[in-house]
Amino acid sequence: MALPAVERRNFKIGKYDIVAQPALGSAHMLRYTVMLNGKRLGALLSVPTESDCKFLECPPAVPPVKIFQVTHRPGRPKKNASAPAVQPLSENPHRGLRHDDLPPGTLPIDIKRSE
């Protein structure tokens, strides 16, 4: 026994004409084709709303692809780049205080107080 096929039907949503016809390979799903003045705007597998039809008619602007984000890899040297200059340890402002940095005759912990 064959399943009854869903019939094709037409209706309007606002100024848009909708043609509902059976989707290929399905006995119960419909494909909704949105048309405006005889021109096909697109098709959906769910019942479109008027905002869906407006989106198909005039989609929002998409920003251009930013190639720089793909090619720029921060923290990784570029090809054929020279080695970075080596900084001497005494010029590094981010290291902590060391015994070598103290003036002669001073101790890191003031032992003189305990005497």
PDB file of N, CA and C in Angstrom:
ATOM      1  N   MET A   1       0.847  -1.185   0.000  1.00  0.00           N
ATOM      2  CA  MET A   1       0.000   0.000   0.000  1.00  0.00           C
ATOM      3  C   MET A   1       0.888   1.242   0.000  1.00  0.00           C
ATOM      4  N   ALA A   2       0.715   2.095  -0.951  1.00  0.00           N
ATOM      5  CA  ALA A   2       1.538   3.296  -1.087  1.00  0.00           C
ATOM      6  C   ALA A   2       1.004   4.398  -0.176  1.00  0.00           C
ATOM      7  N   LEU A   3       1.920   5.175   0.345  1.00  0.00           N
ATOM      8  CA  LEU A   3       1.526   6.308   1.183  1.00  0.00           C
ATOM      9  C   LEU A   3       0.969   7.414   0.308  1.00  0.00           C
ATOM     10  N   PRO A   4      -0.046   8.096   0.772  1.00  0.00           N
ATOM     11  CA  PRO A   4      -0.581   9.197  -0.031  1.00  0.00           C
ATOM     12  C   PRO A   4       0.410  10.354  -0.058  1.00  0.00           C
ATOM     13  N   ALA A   5       0.670  10.856  -1.239  1.00  0.00           N
ATOM     14  CA  ALA A   5       1.602  11.971  -1.380  1.00  0.00           C
ATOM     15  C   ALA A   5       0.913  13.272  -0.990  1.00  0.00           C
ATOM     16  N   VAL A   6       1.690  14.170  -0.420  1.00  0.00           N
ATOM     17  CA  VAL A   6       1.172  15.482  -0.048  1.00  0.00           C
ATOM     18  C   VAL A   6       1.031  16.297  -1.326  1.00  0.00           C
ATOM     19  N   GLU A   7      -0.070  17.011  -1.439  1.00  0.00           N
ATOM     20  CA  GLU A   7      -0.326  17.775  -2.655  1.00  0.00           C
ATOM     21  C   GLU A   7       0.344  19.137  -2.605  1.00  0.00           C
ATOM     22  N   ARG A   8       0.574  19.672  -3.779  1.00  0.00           N
ATOM     23  CA  ARG A   8       1.163  21.001  -3.918  1.00  0.00           C
ATOM     24  C   ARG A   8       0.098  22.051  -3.621  1.00  0.00           C
ATOM     25  N   ARG A   9       0.496  23.127  -2.910  1.00  0.00           N
ATOM     26  CA  ARG A   9      -0.449  24.200  -2.632  1.00  0.00           C
ATOM     27  C   ARG A   9       0.259  25.545  -2.645  1.00  0.00           C
ATOM     28  N   ASN A  10      -0.480  26.592  -2.950  1.00  0.00           N
ATOM     29  CA  ASN A  10       0.045  27.954  -3.022  1.00  0.00           C
ATOM     30  C   ASN A  10      -0.662  28.825  -1.996  1.00  0.00           C
ATOM     31  N   PHE A  11       0.080  29.747  -1.382  1.00  0.00           N
ATOM     32  CA  PHE A  11      -0.522  30.735  -0.487  1.00  0.00           C
ATOM     33  C   PHE A  11       0.382  31.963  -0.441  1.00  0.00           C
ATOM     34  N   LYS A  12      -0.113  33.030   0.190  1.00  0.00           N
ATOM     35  CA  LYS A  12       0.619  34.291   0.267  1.00  0.00           C
ATOM     36  C   LYS A  12       0.917  34.634   1.717  1.00  0.00           C
ATOM     37  N   ILE A  13       2.096  35.212   1.929  1.00  0.00           N
ATOM     38  CA  ILE A  13       2.452  35.803   3.218  1.00  0.00           C
ATOM     39  C   ILE A  13       2.894  37.223   2.903  1.00  0.00           C
ATOM     40  N   GLY A  14       2.064  38.201   3.238  1.00  0.00           N
ATOM     41  CA  GLY A  14       2.364  39.587   2.877  1.00  0.00           C
ATOM     42  C   GLY A  14       2.409  39.727   1.372  1.00  0.00           C
ATOM     43  N   LYS A  15       3.500  40.249   0.847  1.00  0.00           N
ATOM     44  CA  LYS A  15       3.643  40.418  -0.608  1.00  0.00           C
ATOM     45  C   LYS A  15       4.324  39.223  -1.275  1.00  0.00           C
ATOM     46  N   TYR A  16       4.649  38.193  -0.511  1.00  0.00           N
ATOM     47  CA  TYR A  16       5.400  37.047  -1.022  1.00  0.00           C
ATOM     48  C   TYR A  16       4.463  35.892  -1.358  1.00  0.00           C
ATOM     49  N   ASP A  17       4.718  35.240  -2.498  1.00  0.00           N
ATOM     50  CA  ASP A  17       3.980  34.041  -2.895  1.00  0.00           C
ATOM     51  C   ASP A  17       4.773  32.835  -2.424  1.00  0.00           C
ATOM     52  N   ILE A  18       4.081  31.883  -1.772  1.00  0.00           N
ATOM     53  CA  ILE A  18       4.724  30.677  -1.270  1.00  0.00           C
ATOM     54  C   ILE A  18       4.151  29.482  -2.017  1.00  0.00           C
ATOM     55  N   VAL A  19       5.040  28.647  -2.550  1.00  0.00           N
ATOM     56  CA  VAL A  19       4.640  27.418  -3.223  1.00  0.00           C
ATOM     57  C   VAL A  19       5.128  26.265  -2.364  1.00  0.00           C
ATOM     58  N   ALA A  20       4.179  25.497  -1.813  1.00  0.00           N
ATOM     59  CA  ALA A  20       4.518  24.346  -0.978  1.00  0.00           C
ATOM     60  C   ALA A  20       4.357  23.093  -1.822  1.00  0.00           C
ATOM     61  N   GLN A  21       5.442  22.344  -1.964  1.00  0.00           N
ATOM     62  CA  GLN A  21       5.396  21.101  -2.734  1.00  0.00           C
ATOM     63  C   GLN A  21       6.171  20.034  -1.981  1.00  0.00           C
ATOM     64  N   PRO A  22       5.885  18.769  -2.235  1.00  0.00           N
ATOM     65  CA  PRO A  22       6.575  17.700  -1.500  1.00  0.00           C
ATOM     66  C   PRO A  22       8.090  17.763  -1.720  1.00  0.00           C
ATOM     67  N   ALA A  23       8.826  17.582  -0.638  1.00  0.00           N
ATOM     68  CA  ALA A  23      10.285  17.553  -0.726  1.00  0.00           C
ATOM     69  C   ALA A  23      10.714  16.239  -1.368  1.00  0.00           C
ATOM     70  N   LEU A  24      11.812  16.281  -2.095  1.00  0.00           N
ATOM     71  CA  LEU A  24      12.287  15.069  -2.762  1.00  0.00           C
ATOM     72  C   LEU A  24      12.674  14.013  -1.733  1.00  0.00           C
ATOM     73  N   GLY A  25      12.239  12.791  -1.942  1.00  0.00           N
ATOM     74  CA  GLY A  25      12.582  11.681  -1.063  1.00  0.00           C
ATOM     75  C   GLY A  25      11.780  11.626   0.213  1.00  0.00           C
ATOM     76  N   SER A  26      10.735  12.439   0.332  1.00  0.00           N
ATOM     77  CA  SER A  26       9.928  12.437   1.552  1.00  0.00           C
ATOM     78  C   SER A  26       8.456  12.402   1.186  1.00  0.00           C
ATOM     79  N   ALA A  27       7.693  11.632   1.960  1.00  0.00           N
ATOM     80  CA  ALA A  27       6.259  11.513   1.691  1.00  0.00           C
ATOM     81  C   ALA A  27       5.446  12.558   2.441  1.00  0.00           C
ATOM     82  N   HIS A  28       6.025  13.164   3.495  1.00  0.00           N
ATOM     83  CA  HIS A  28       5.216  14.065   4.311  1.00  0.00           C
ATOM     84  C   HIS A  28       5.827  15.466   4.465  1.00  0.00           C
ATOM     85  N   MET A  29       7.098  15.658   4.122  1.00  0.00           N
ATOM     86  CA  MET A  29       7.706  16.984   4.277  1.00  0.00           C
ATOM     87  C   MET A  29       7.446  17.843   3.049  1.00  0.00           C
ATOM     88  N   LEU A  30       7.304  19.140   3.277  1.00  0.00           N
ATOM     89  CA  LEU A  30       7.076  20.081   2.188  1.00  0.00           C
ATOM     90  C   LEU A  30       8.271  21.009   2.030  1.00  0.00           C
ATOM     91  N   ARG A  31       8.523  21.407   0.802  1.00  0.00           N
ATOM     92  CA  ARG A  31       9.538  22.414   0.503  1.00  0.00           C
ATOM     93  C   ARG A  31       8.799  23.676   0.122  1.00  0.00           C
ATOM     94  N   TYR A  32       9.065  24.746   0.872  1.00  0.00           N
ATOM     95  CA  TYR A  32       8.379  26.022   0.671  1.00  0.00           C
ATOM     96  C   TYR A  32       9.271  26.935  -0.150  1.00  0.00           C
ATOM     97  N   THR A  33       8.864  27.210  -1.389  1.00  0.00           N
ATOM     98  CA  THR A  33       9.611  28.097  -2.272  1.00  0.00           C
ATOM     99  C   THR A  33       9.017  29.483  -2.164  1.00  0.00           C
ATOM    100  N   VAL A  34       9.863  30.470  -1.848  1.00  0.00           N
ATOM    101  CA  VAL A  34       9.426  31.857  -1.669  1.00  0.00           C
ATOM    102  C   VAL A  34       9.652  32.592  -2.982  1.00  0.00           C
ATOM    103  N   MET A  35       8.592  33.260  -3.474  1.00  0.00           N
ATOM    104  CA  MET A  35       8.665  33.984  -4.739  1.00  0.00           C
ATOM    105  C   MET A  35       8.136  35.404  -4.548  1.00  0.00           C
ATOM    106  N   LEU A  36       8.728  36.335  -5.292  1.00  0.00           N
ATOM    107  CA  LEU A  36       8.286  37.725  -5.272  1.00  0.00           C
ATOM    108  C   LEU A  36       8.221  38.204  -6.717  1.00  0.00           C
ATOM    109  N   ASN A  37       7.022  38.559  -7.164  1.00  0.00           N
ATOM    110  CA  ASN A  37       6.780  39.024  -8.538  1.00  0.00           C
ATOM    111  C   ASN A  37       7.284  38.010  -9.569  1.00  0.00           C
ATOM    112  N   GLY A  38       7.093  36.739  -9.303  1.00  0.00           N
ATOM    113  CA  GLY A  38       7.486  35.684 -10.221  1.00  0.00           C
ATOM    114  C   GLY A  38       8.961  35.300 -10.146  1.00  0.00           C
ATOM    115  N   LYS A  39       9.724  35.972  -9.302  1.00  0.00           N
ATOM    116  CA  LYS A  39      11.155  35.668  -9.161  1.00  0.00           C
ATOM    117  C   LYS A  39      11.363  34.822  -7.900  1.00  0.00           C
ATOM    118  N   ARG A  40      12.096  33.722  -8.044  1.00  0.00           N
ATOM    119  CA  ARG A  40      12.341  32.823  -6.915  1.00  0.00           C
ATOM    120  C   ARG A  40      13.412  33.430  -6.024  1.00  0.00           C
ATOM    121  N   LEU A  41      13.091  33.601  -4.719  1.00  0.00           N
ATOM    122  CA  LEU A  41      14.053  34.150  -3.761  1.00  0.00           C
ATOM    123  C   LEU A  41      14.829  33.057  -3.037  1.00  0.00           C
ATOM    124  N   GLY A  42      14.171  31.922  -2.778  1.00  0.00           N
ATOM    125  CA  GLY A  42      14.815  30.835  -2.060  1.00  0.00           C
ATOM    126  C   GLY A  42      13.788  29.806  -1.644  1.00  0.00           C
ATOM    127  N   ALA A  43      14.261  28.778  -0.927  1.00  0.00           N
ATOM    128  CA  ALA A  43      13.372  27.708  -0.480  1.00  0.00           C
ATOM    129  C   ALA A  43      13.737  27.308   0.935  1.00  0.00           C
ATOM    130  N   LEU A  44      12.718  26.895   1.691  1.00  0.00           N
ATOM    131  CA  LEU A  44      12.884  26.463   3.078  1.00  0.00           C
ATOM    132  C   LEU A  44      12.138  25.154   3.284  1.00  0.00           C
ATOM    133  N   LEU A  45      12.538  24.391   4.289  1.00  0.00           N
ATOM    134  CA  LEU A  45      11.812  23.161   4.623  1.00  0.00           C
ATOM    135  C   LEU A  45      10.862  23.354   5.793  1.00  0.00           C
ATOM    136  N   SER A  46      10.797  24.574   6.333  1.00  0.00           N
ATOM    137  CA  SER A  46       9.808  24.885   7.364  1.00  0.00           C
ATOM    138  C   SER A  46       8.955  26.042   6.856  1.00  0.00           C
ATOM    139  N   VAL A  47       7.782  26.191   7.433  1.00  0.00           N
ATOM    140  CA  VAL A  47       6.864  27.234   6.978  1.00  0.00           C
ATOM    141  C   VAL A  47       7.507  28.596   7.243  1.00  0.00           C
ATOM    142  N   PRO A  48       7.719  29.397   6.192  1.00  0.00           N
ATOM    143  CA  PRO A  48       8.397  30.679   6.386  1.00  0.00           C
ATOM    144  C   PRO A  48       7.483  31.730   7.000  1.00  0.00           C
ATOM    145  N   THR A  49       8.077  32.627   7.747  1.00  0.00           N
ATOM    146  CA  THR A  49       7.368  33.800   8.254  1.00  0.00           C
ATOM    147  C   THR A  49       7.688  34.968   7.325  1.00  0.00           C
ATOM    148  N   GLU A  50       7.036  36.095   7.555  1.00  0.00           N
ATOM    149  CA  GLU A  50       7.306  37.248   6.696  1.00  0.00           C
ATOM    150  C   GLU A  50       8.738  37.743   6.887  1.00  0.00           C
ATOM    151  N   SER A  51       9.272  37.646   8.101  1.00  0.00           N
ATOM    152  CA  SER A  51      10.655  38.073   8.319  1.00  0.00           C
ATOM    153  C   SER A  51      11.636  37.141   7.593  1.00  0.00           C
ATOM    154  N   ASP A  52      11.318  35.841   7.508  1.00  0.00           N
ATOM    155  CA  ASP A  52      12.150  34.918   6.723  1.00  0.00           C
ATOM    156  C   ASP A  52      12.155  35.330   5.247  1.00  0.00           C
ATOM    157  N   CYS A  53      10.998  35.713   4.750  1.00  0.00           N
ATOM    158  CA  CYS A  53      10.893  36.124   3.347  1.00  0.00           C
ATOM    159  C   CYS A  53      11.671  37.419   3.108  1.00  0.00           C
ATOM    160  N   LYS A  54      11.590  38.374   4.043  1.00  0.00           N
ATOM    161  CA  LYS A  54      12.348  39.623   3.906  1.00  0.00           C
ATOM    162  C   LYS A  54      13.842  39.343   3.929  1.00  0.00           C
ATOM    163  N   PHE A  55      14.268  38.395   4.761  1.00  0.00           N
ATOM    164  CA  PHE A  55      15.684  38.027   4.838  1.00  0.00           C
ATOM    165  C   PHE A  55      16.153  37.425   3.521  1.00  0.00           C
ATOM    166  N   LEU A  56      15.305  36.597   2.889  1.00  0.00           N
ATOM    167  CA  LEU A  56      15.667  36.017   1.593  1.00  0.00           C
ATOM    168  C   LEU A  56      15.721  37.085   0.502  1.00  0.00           C
ATOM    169  N   GLU A  57      14.842  38.096   0.611  1.00  0.00           N
ATOM    170  CA  GLU A  57      14.812  39.152  -0.395  1.00  0.00           C
ATOM    171  C   GLU A  57      16.027  40.076  -0.274  1.00  0.00           C
ATOM    172  N   CYS A  58      16.368  40.458   0.931  1.00  0.00           N
ATOM    173  CA  CYS A  58      17.460  41.406   1.145  1.00  0.00           C
ATOM    174  C   CYS A  58      18.289  40.950   2.344  1.00  0.00           C
ATOM    175  N   PRO A  59      19.251  40.041   2.152  1.00  0.00           N
ATOM    176  CA  PRO A  59      20.052  39.564   3.279  1.00  0.00           C
ATOM    177  C   PRO A  59      20.969  40.667   3.798  1.00  0.00           C
ATOM    178  N   PRO A  60      21.368  40.592   5.081  1.00  0.00           N
ATOM    179  CA  PRO A  60      22.237  41.629   5.636  1.00  0.00           C
ATOM    180  C   PRO A  60      23.632  41.575   5.017  1.00  0.00           C
ATOM    181  N   ALA A  61      24.322  42.688   5.085  1.00  0.00           N
ATOM    182  CA  ALA A  61      25.676  42.764   4.535  1.00  0.00           C
ATOM    183  C   ALA A  61      26.620  41.921   5.377  1.00  0.00           C
ATOM    184  N   VAL A  62      27.503  41.200   4.708  1.00  0.00           N
ATOM    185  CA  VAL A  62      28.487  40.362   5.395  1.00  0.00           C
ATOM    186  C   VAL A  62      29.830  41.069   5.307  1.00  0.00           C
ATOM    187  N   PRO A  63      30.538  41.233   6.434  1.00  0.00           N
ATOM    188  CA  PRO A  63      31.828  41.914   6.364  1.00  0.00           C
ATOM    189  C   PRO A  63      32.837  41.109   5.555  1.00  0.00           C
ATOM    190  N   PRO A  64      33.821  41.773   4.957  1.00  0.00           N
ATOM    191  CA  PRO A  64      34.803  41.047   4.139  1.00  0.00           C
ATOM    192  C   PRO A  64      35.665  40.129   5.002  1.00  0.00           C
ATOM    193  N   VAL A  65      36.194  39.111   4.364  1.00  0.00           N
ATOM    194  CA  VAL A  65      37.048  38.154   5.056  1.00  0.00           C
ATOM    195  C   VAL A  65      38.362  38.844   5.407  1.00  0.00           C
ATOM    196  N   LYS A  66      38.829  38.623   6.618  1.00  0.00           N
ATOM    197  CA  LYS A  66      40.082  39.226   7.051  1.00  0.00           C
ATOM    198  C   LYS A  66      41.188  38.197   6.889  1.00  0.00           C
ATOM    199  N   ILE A  67      41.916  38.307   5.807  1.00  0.00           N
ATOM    200  CA  ILE A  67      42.983  37.360   5.516  1.00  0.00           C
ATOM    201  C   ILE A  67      44.101  37.476   6.552  1.00  0.00           C
ATOM    202  N   PHE A  68      44.314  38.691   7.079  1.00  0.00           N
ATOM    203  CA  PHE A  68      45.413  38.915   8.027  1.00  0.00           C
ATOM    204  C   PHE A  68      45.301  37.995   9.238  1.00  0.00           C
ATOM    205  N   GLN A  69      44.095  37.736   9.714  1.00  0.00           N
ATOM    206  CA  GLN A  69      43.930  36.892  10.894  1.00  0.00           C
ATOM    207  C   GLN A  69      44.399  35.469  10.637  1.00  0.00           C
ATOM    208  N   VAL A  70      44.323  35.013   9.403  1.00  0.00           N
ATOM    209  CA  VAL A  70      44.730  33.653   9.082  1.00  0.00           C
ATOM    210  C   VAL A  70      46.242  33.560   8.950  1.00  0.00           C
ATOM    211  N   THR A  71      46.853  34.579   8.339  1.00  0.00           N
ATOM    212  CA  THR A  71      48.282  34.506   8.065  1.00  0.00           C
ATOM    213  C   THR A  71      49.140  35.010   9.212  1.00  0.00           C
ATOM    214  N   HIS A  72      48.629  35.894  10.041  1.00  0.00           N
ATOM    215  CA  HIS A  72      49.420  36.450  11.137  1.00  0.00           C
ATOM    216  C   HIS A  72      49.343  35.534  12.342  1.00  0.00           C
ATOM    217  N   ARG A  73      50.479  35.077  12.789  1.00  0.00           N
ATOM    218  CA  ARG A  73      50.525  34.204  13.959  1.00  0.00           C
ATOM    219  C   ARG A  73      51.423  34.854  15.000  1.00  0.00           C
ATOM    220  N   PRO A  74      50.852  35.582  15.960  1.00  0.00           N
ATOM    221  CA  PRO A  74      51.693  36.280  16.925  1.00  0.00           C
ATOM    222  C   PRO A  74      52.497  35.298  17.769  1.00  0.00           C
ATOM    223  N   GLY A  75      53.724  35.671  18.077  1.00  0.00           N
ATOM    224  CA  GLY A  75      54.566  34.829  18.893  1.00  0.00           C
ATOM    225  C   GLY A  75      55.403  33.859  18.093  1.00  0.00           C
ATOM    226  N   ARG A  76      55.182  33.782  16.819  1.00  0.00           N
ATOM    227  CA  ARG A  76      55.950  32.871  15.977  1.00  0.00           C
ATOM    228  C   ARG A  76      56.737  33.697  14.981  1.00  0.00           C
ATOM    229  N   PRO A  77      58.050  33.477  14.870  1.00  0.00           N
ATOM    230  CA  PRO A  77      58.832  34.303  13.941  1.00  0.00           C
ATOM    231  C   PRO A  77      58.472  33.997  12.489  1.00  0.00           C
ATOM    232  N   LYS A  78      58.594  35.015  11.671  1.00  0.00           N
ATOM    233  CA  LYS A  78      58.332  34.835  10.247  1.00  0.00           C
ATOM    234  C   LYS A  78      59.495  34.104   9.590  1.00  0.00           C
ATOM    235  N   LYS A  79      59.241  33.593   8.414  1.00  0.00           N
ATOM    236  CA  LYS A  79      60.295  32.894   7.673  1.00  0.00           C
ATOM    237  C   LYS A  79      61.421  33.876   7.344  1.00  0.00           C
ATOM    238  N   ASN A  80      62.655  33.381   7.403  1.00  0.00           N
ATOM    239  CA  ASN A  80      63.853  34.152   7.077  1.00  0.00           C
ATOM    240  C   ASN A  80      64.039  35.368   7.982  1.00  0.00           C
ATOM    241  N   ALA A  81      63.490  35.344   9.175  1.00  0.00           N
ATOM    242  CA  ALA A  81      63.669  36.447  10.110  1.00  0.00           C
ATOM    243  C   ALA A  81      64.959  36.244  10.887  1.00  0.00           C
ATOM    244  N   SER A  82      65.644  37.358  11.177  1.00  0.00           N
ATOM    245  CA  SER A  82      66.877  37.245  11.950  1.00  0.00           C
ATOM    246  C   SER A  82      66.532  36.968  13.408  1.00  0.00           C
ATOM    247  N   ALA A  83      67.481  36.389  14.117  1.00  0.00           N
ATOM    248  CA  ALA A  83      67.263  36.048  15.522  1.00  0.00           C
ATOM    249  C   ALA A  83      67.110  37.329  16.331  1.00  0.00           C
ATOM    250  N   PRO A  84      66.253  37.335  17.351  1.00  0.00           N
ATOM    251  CA  PRO A  84      66.079  38.548  18.158  1.00  0.00           C
ATOM    252  C   PRO A  84      67.355  38.842  18.946  1.00  0.00           C
ATOM    253  N   ALA A  85      67.560  40.117  19.219  1.00  0.00           N
ATOM    254  CA  ALA A  85      68.738  40.530  19.980  1.00  0.00           C
ATOM    255  C   ALA A  85      68.626  40.005  21.413  1.00  0.00           C
ATOM    256  N   VAL A  86      69.747  39.493  21.930  1.00  0.00           N
ATOM    257  CA  VAL A  86      69.766  38.942  23.284  1.00  0.00           C
ATOM    258  C   VAL A  86      69.985  40.080  24.262  1.00  0.00           C
ATOM    259  N   GLN A  87      69.113  40.188  25.284  1.00  0.00           N
ATOM    260  CA  GLN A  87      69.245  41.232  26.292  1.00  0.00           C
ATOM    261  C   GLN A  87      70.121  40.728  27.428  1.00  0.00           C
ATOM    262  N   PRO A  88      71.059  41.544  27.898  1.00  0.00           N
ATOM    263  CA  PRO A  88      71.834  41.130  29.062  1.00  0.00           C
ATOM    264  C   PRO A  88      70.948  41.064  30.300  1.00  0.00           C
ATOM    265  N   LEU A  89      71.316  40.211  31.244  1.00  0.00           N
ATOM    266  CA  LEU A  89      70.484  40.017  32.434  1.00  0.00           C
ATOM    267  C   LEU A  89      70.375  41.268  33.279  1.00  0.00           C
ATOM    268  N   SER A  90      71.408  42.110  33.333  1.00  0.00           N
ATOM    269  CA  SER A  90      71.365  43.285  34.206  1.00  0.00           C
ATOM    270  C   SER A  90      70.370  44.325  33.706  1.00  0.00           C
ATOM    271  N   GLU A  91      69.980  44.288  32.431  1.00  0.00           N
ATOM    272  CA  GLU A  91      69.043  45.269  31.897  1.00  0.00           C
ATOM    273  C   GLU A  91      67.592  44.803  31.964  1.00  0.00           C
ATOM    274  N   ASN A  92      67.355  43.602  32.412  1.00  0.00           N
ATOM    275  CA  ASN A  92      65.989  43.083  32.457  1.00  0.00           C
ATOM    276  C   ASN A  92      65.254  43.676  33.655  1.00  0.00           C
ATOM    277  N   PRO A  93      64.249  44.521  33.435  1.00  0.00           N
ATOM    278  CA  PRO A  93      63.565  45.170  34.555  1.00  0.00           C
ATOM    279  C   PRO A  93      62.571  44.248  35.274  1.00  0.00           C
ATOM    280  N   HIS A  94      62.302  43.068  34.750  1.00  0.00           N
ATOM    281  CA  HIS A  94      61.258  42.228  35.318  1.00  0.00           C
ATOM    282  C   HIS A  94      61.779  41.158  36.270  1.00  0.00           C
ATOM    283  N   ARG A  95      63.057  41.116  36.523  1.00  0.00           N
ATOM    284  CA  ARG A  95      63.518  40.069  37.427  1.00  0.00           C
ATOM    285  C   ARG A  95      63.585  40.610  38.842  1.00  0.00           C
ATOM    286  N   GLY A  96      63.585  39.739  39.806  1.00  0.00           N
ATOM    287  CA  GLY A  96      63.563  40.144  41.210  1.00  0.00           C
ATOM    288  C   GLY A  96      64.934  40.569  41.709  1.00  0.00           C
ATOM    289  N   LEU A  97      64.976  41.000  42.957  1.00  0.00           N
ATOM    290  CA  LEU A  97      66.214  41.442  43.594  1.00  0.00           C
ATOM    291  C   LEU A  97      67.080  40.239  43.908  1.00  0.00           C
ATOM    292  N   ARG A  98      68.384  40.339  43.591  1.00  0.00           N
ATOM    293  CA  ARG A  98      69.305  39.227  43.844  1.00  0.00           C
ATOM    294  C   ARG A  98      70.409  39.681  44.785  1.00  0.00           C
ATOM    295  N   HIS A  99      71.161  38.722  45.329  1.00  0.00           N
ATOM    296  CA  HIS A  99      72.263  39.046  46.237  1.00  0.00           C
ATOM    297  C   HIS A  99      73.318  39.887  45.536  1.00  0.00           C
ATOM    298  N   ASP A 100      73.502  39.675  44.238  1.00  0.00           N
ATOM    299  CA  ASP A 100      74.520  40.415  43.493  1.00  0.00           C
ATOM    300  C   ASP A 100      74.160  41.892  43.378  1.00  0.00           C
ATOM    301  N   ASP A 101      72.870  42.223  43.474  1.00  0.00           N
ATOM    302  CA  ASP A 101      72.425  43.597  43.300  1.00  0.00           C
ATOM    303  C   ASP A 101      72.564  44.423  44.575  1.00  0.00           C
ATOM    304  N   LEU A 102      72.747  43.772  45.737  1.00  0.00           N
ATOM    305  CA  LEU A 102      72.841  44.497  47.000  1.00  0.00           C
ATOM    306  C   LEU A 102      74.196  45.171  47.137  1.00  0.00           C
ATOM    307  N   PRO A 103      74.230  46.319  47.778  1.00  0.00           N
ATOM    308  CA  PRO A 103      75.529  46.962  48.002  1.00  0.00           C
ATOM    309  C   PRO A 103      76.391  46.102  48.929  1.00  0.00           C
ATOM    310  N   PRO A 104      77.713  46.186  48.825  1.00  0.00           N
ATOM    311  CA  PRO A 104      78.568  45.362  49.677  1.00  0.00           C
ATOM    312  C   PRO A 104      78.369  45.694  51.153  1.00  0.00           C
ATOM    313  N   GLY A 105      78.414  44.678  52.011  1.00  0.00           N
ATOM    314  CA  GLY A 105      78.274  44.858  53.446  1.00  0.00           C
ATOM    315  C   GLY A 105      76.849  44.726  53.949  1.00  0.00           C
ATOM    316  N   THR A 106      75.853  44.577  53.080  1.00  0.00           N
ATOM    317  CA  THR A 106      74.472  44.402  53.526  1.00  0.00           C
ATOM    318  C   THR A 106      74.053  42.965  53.314  1.00  0.00           C
ATOM    319  N   LEU A 107      73.202  42.504  54.186  1.00  0.00           N
ATOM    320  CA  LEU A 107      72.695  41.148  54.095  1.00  0.00           C
ATOM    321  C   LEU A 107      71.250  41.190  53.623  1.00  0.00           C
ATOM    322  N   PRO A 108      70.784  40.140  52.955  1.00  0.00           N
ATOM    323  CA  PRO A 108      69.399  40.137  52.502  1.00  0.00           C
ATOM    324  C   PRO A 108      68.418  40.189  53.659  1.00  0.00           C
ATOM    325  N   ILE A 109      68.720  39.530  54.752  1.00  0.00           N
ATOM    326  CA  ILE A 109      67.874  39.583  55.937  1.00  0.00           C
ATOM    327  C   ILE A 109      68.670  40.337  56.985  1.00  0.00           C
ATOM    328  N   ASP A 110      68.038  41.273  57.604  1.00  0.00           N
ATOM    329  CA  ASP A 110      68.767  42.124  58.562  1.00  0.00           C
ATOM    330  C   ASP A 110      69.012  41.315  59.840  1.00  0.00           C
ATOM    331  N   ILE A 111      70.198  40.714  59.951  1.00  0.00           N
ATOM    332  CA  ILE A 111      70.552  39.914  61.127  1.00  0.00           C
ATOM    333  C   ILE A 111      71.032  40.813  62.242  1.00  0.00           C
ATOM    334  N   LYS A 112      71.429  42.033  61.933  1.00  0.00           N
ATOM    335  CA  LYS A 112      71.969  42.951  62.944  1.00  0.00           C
ATOM    336  C   LYS A 112      70.940  43.231  64.020  1.00  0.00           C
ATOM    337  N   ARG A 113      69.660  43.252  63.704  1.00  0.00           N
ATOM    338  CA  ARG A 113      68.621  43.519  64.700  1.00  0.00           C
ATOM    339  C   ARG A 113      68.562  42.412  65.738  1.00  0.00           C
ATOM    340  N   SER A 114      68.768  41.169  65.308  1.00  0.00           N
ATOM    341  CA  SER A 114      68.652  40.061  66.268  1.00  0.00           C
ATOM    342  C   SER A 114      69.840  39.994  67.210  1.00  0.00           C
ATOM    343  N   GLU A 115      70.941  40.707  66.914  1.00  0.00           N
ATOM    344  CA  GLU A 115      72.116  40.643  67.783  1.00  0.00           C
ATOM    345  C   GLU A 115      71.994  41.483  68.984  1.00  0.00           C
TER     346      GLU A 115
END
